[in-house]
Protein backbone atom coordinates (compact mmCIF):
# COMPACT_ATOMS: atom_id res chain seq x y z
CA UNK A 1 13.05 -9.50 11.76
CA UNK A 2 11.00 -13.02 11.30
CA UNK A 3 7.59 -12.46 10.52
CA UNK A 4 5.98 -14.05 12.78
CA UNK A 5 8.17 -12.49 15.35
CA UNK A 6 6.58 -8.87 14.33
CA UNK A 7 5.40 -6.71 16.25
CA UNK A 8 3.71 -3.35 15.90
CA UNK A 9 5.59 -0.10 16.15
CA UNK A 10 5.25 2.45 18.85
CA UNK A 11 3.52 5.74 18.46
CA UNK A 12 6.37 7.75 17.95
CA UNK A 13 8.49 5.31 15.64
CA UNK A 14 5.94 4.62 13.72
CA UNK A 15 5.48 8.25 13.42
CA UNK A 16 9.14 8.95 11.89
CA UNK A 17 8.53 5.96 9.29
CA UNK A 18 5.69 8.20 7.98
CA UNK A 19 7.17 11.10 8.15
CA UNK A 20 10.39 10.19 6.25
CA UNK A 21 7.98 8.24 3.38
CA UNK A 22 6.09 11.48 3.38
CA UNK A 23 8.82 13.64 2.75
CA UNK A 24 10.85 10.99 -0.11
CA UNK A 25 7.30 10.75 -2.11
CA UNK A 26 6.41 14.12 -2.01
CA UNK A 27 9.57 16.58 -1.86
CA UNK A 28 10.80 15.90 -4.82
CA UNK A 29 7.59 16.41 -6.60
CA UNK A 30 7.75 19.79 -5.02
CA UNK A 31 10.66 20.29 -5.89
CA UNK A 32 11.14 19.69 -10.01
CA UNK A 33 7.34 21.57 -9.95
CA UNK A 34 9.56 24.61 -8.60
CA UNK A 35 12.32 23.77 -11.13
CA UNK A 36 9.39 23.05 -13.97
CA UNK A 37 8.07 26.32 -12.87
CA UNK A 38 11.44 28.13 -12.86
CA UNK A 39 13.28 26.92 -16.27
CA UNK A 40 8.82 28.05 -18.08
CA UNK A 41 7.80 30.92 -16.27
CA UNK A 42 4.18 29.04 -16.12
CA UNK A 43 3.39 28.36 -12.53
CA UNK A 44 0.16 25.97 -13.72
CA UNK A 45 3.15 23.38 -14.74
CA UNK A 46 4.88 23.67 -11.35
CA UNK A 47 1.10 22.22 -10.09
CA UNK A 48 0.64 19.60 -12.90
CA UNK A 49 4.42 17.82 -11.91
CA UNK A 50 3.48 17.93 -8.51
CA UNK A 51 0.46 16.61 -9.12
CA UNK A 52 1.84 14.23 -11.44
CA UNK A 53 4.35 12.77 -8.61
CA UNK A 54 1.61 12.69 -5.81
CA UNK A 55 0.13 10.22 -7.99
CA UNK A 56 3.42 8.35 -8.81
CA UNK A 57 3.56 8.19 -5.32
CA UNK A 58 0.06 6.92 -4.71
CA UNK A 59 0.60 4.32 -7.59
CA UNK A 60 4.13 2.46 -5.80
CA UNK A 61 2.34 2.87 -2.34
CA UNK A 62 -1.18 1.62 -3.19
CA UNK A 63 -0.78 -1.90 -3.90
CA UNK A 64 0.85 -2.46 0.37
CA UNK A 65 -1.68 -0.11 2.09
CA UNK A 66 -5.16 -1.95 0.86
CA UNK A 67 -5.47 0.61 -2.69
CA UNK A 68 -5.27 -0.26 -6.12
CA UNK A 69 -3.18 0.87 -8.49
CA UNK A 70 -6.37 2.76 -9.85
CA UNK A 71 -6.51 4.50 -6.78
CA UNK A 72 -3.64 6.51 -8.40
CA UNK A 73 -5.44 8.91 -9.86
CA UNK A 74 -6.91 9.96 -7.58
CA UNK A 75 -3.48 10.86 -6.25
CA UNK A 76 -3.69 13.54 -9.12
CA UNK A 77 -5.96 15.49 -7.34
CA UNK A 78 -4.97 18.77 -5.64
CA UNK A 79 -4.44 18.38 -2.48
CA UNK A 80 -6.61 15.20 -2.12
CA UNK A 81 -3.37 13.47 -3.70
CA UNK A 82 -1.08 14.94 -0.61
CA UNK A 83 -3.92 13.56 2.41
CA UNK A 84 -3.36 9.97 -0.02
CA UNK A 85 -0.01 10.23 0.40
CA UNK A 86 0.34 10.97 3.62
CA UNK A 87 -2.64 8.04 4.43
CA UNK A 88 -0.38 5.49 2.60
CA UNK A 89 3.00 6.51 4.57
CA UNK A 90 0.98 5.85 8.12
CA UNK A 91 -0.05 2.49 6.57
CA UNK A 92 3.80 1.81 5.31
CA UNK A 93 4.71 2.74 8.70
CA UNK A 94 3.25 -0.21 10.04
CA UNK A 95 4.13 -2.94 7.73
CA UNK A 96 3.74 -5.67 7.73
CA UNK A 97 0.79 -5.99 10.42
CA UNK A 98 -1.87 -4.22 9.14
CA UNK A 99 -4.63 -2.00 11.29
CA UNK A 100 -7.06 -1.27 8.92
CA UNK A 101 -9.92 -3.49 7.03
CA UNK A 102 -8.63 -5.31 4.11
CA UNK A 103 -10.69 -5.40 0.63
CA UNK A 104 -13.23 -7.67 -0.66
CA UNK A 105 -11.15 -9.24 -2.63
CA UNK A 106 -8.18 -8.59 0.44
CA UNK A 107 -10.04 -11.11 2.38
CA UNK A 108 -9.05 -14.87 1.06
CA UNK A 109 -5.05 -13.85 2.12
CA UNK A 110 -6.49 -11.93 5.22
CA UNK A 111 -4.66 -14.02 8.26
CA UNK A 112 -6.18 -12.54 11.36
CA UNK A 113 -3.50 -12.24 14.79
CA UNK A 114 -4.22 -13.74 17.41
CA UNK A 115 -2.76 -12.92 21.52
CA UNK A 116 -1.11 -9.55 22.21
CA UNK A 117 -2.01 -8.63 17.93
CA UNK A 118 -5.17 -9.01 18.72
CA UNK A 119 -6.80 -6.38 15.72
CA UNK A 120 -4.05 -7.01 13.01
CA UNK A 121 -4.01 -8.84 10.38
CA UNK A 122 -1.23 -10.30 7.81
CA UNK A 123 -1.68 -10.62 4.53
CA UNK A 124 0.39 -13.33 2.25
CA UNK A 125 1.96 -13.16 -0.32
CA UNK A 126 0.24 -13.95 -3.70
CA UNK A 127 1.61 -16.79 -5.65
CA UNK A 128 4.42 -16.50 -8.69
CA UNK A 129 3.06 -14.85 -11.67
CA UNK A 130 2.70 -18.80 -13.91
CA UNK A 131 2.42 -20.69 -11.26
CA UNK A 132 -1.14 -22.48 -9.95
CA UNK A 133 -1.59 -22.50 -6.78
CA UNK A 134 -1.43 -26.42 -5.22
CA UNK A 135 -5.29 -27.74 -4.84
CA UNK A 136 -5.91 -31.29 -2.89
CA UNK A 137 -7.18 -33.35 -5.09
CA UNK A 138 -10.26 -34.85 -4.34
CA UNK A 139 -12.13 -37.86 -5.30
CA UNK A 140 -15.21 -37.38 -7.95
CA UNK A 141 -17.56 -39.76 -5.03
CA UNK A 142 -18.09 -39.35 -1.64
CA UNK A 143 -18.53 -42.94 -1.53
CA UNK A 144 -16.46 -44.79 -4.07
CA UNK A 145 -13.52 -41.98 -5.10
CA UNK A 146 -14.91 -42.13 -8.51
CA UNK A 147 -18.18 -41.77 -11.05
């Protein structure tokens, strides 16, 4: 699919994708937590493993959905981590289009869409590490182009 011709997914398609992403992000944590409890007999270890897995899911999905990597600490909070994963799953299901407000540090790369896509925006790709973005040369003086 061409990035310029991307259209928003319908409600059913977006819901199915979000449910699959949520299941892929949370069910392994439940499974590993259950296995850890079975092997050790400690019920709190089940919660610890499940919450750690939710934090990992927020760490992985967050940067694609206007969350910072440090927000993964919120994914460690019981039950709130699952809420964050469900929110991030809903947002990932719409990519490359975005229907949420960009963070203040994302405004410089946000491109608001027009036409049928009013209300959506896209994020330009970040420059590669180690490469500086090209800046047009500016004259030093507006009259003569030198000091």
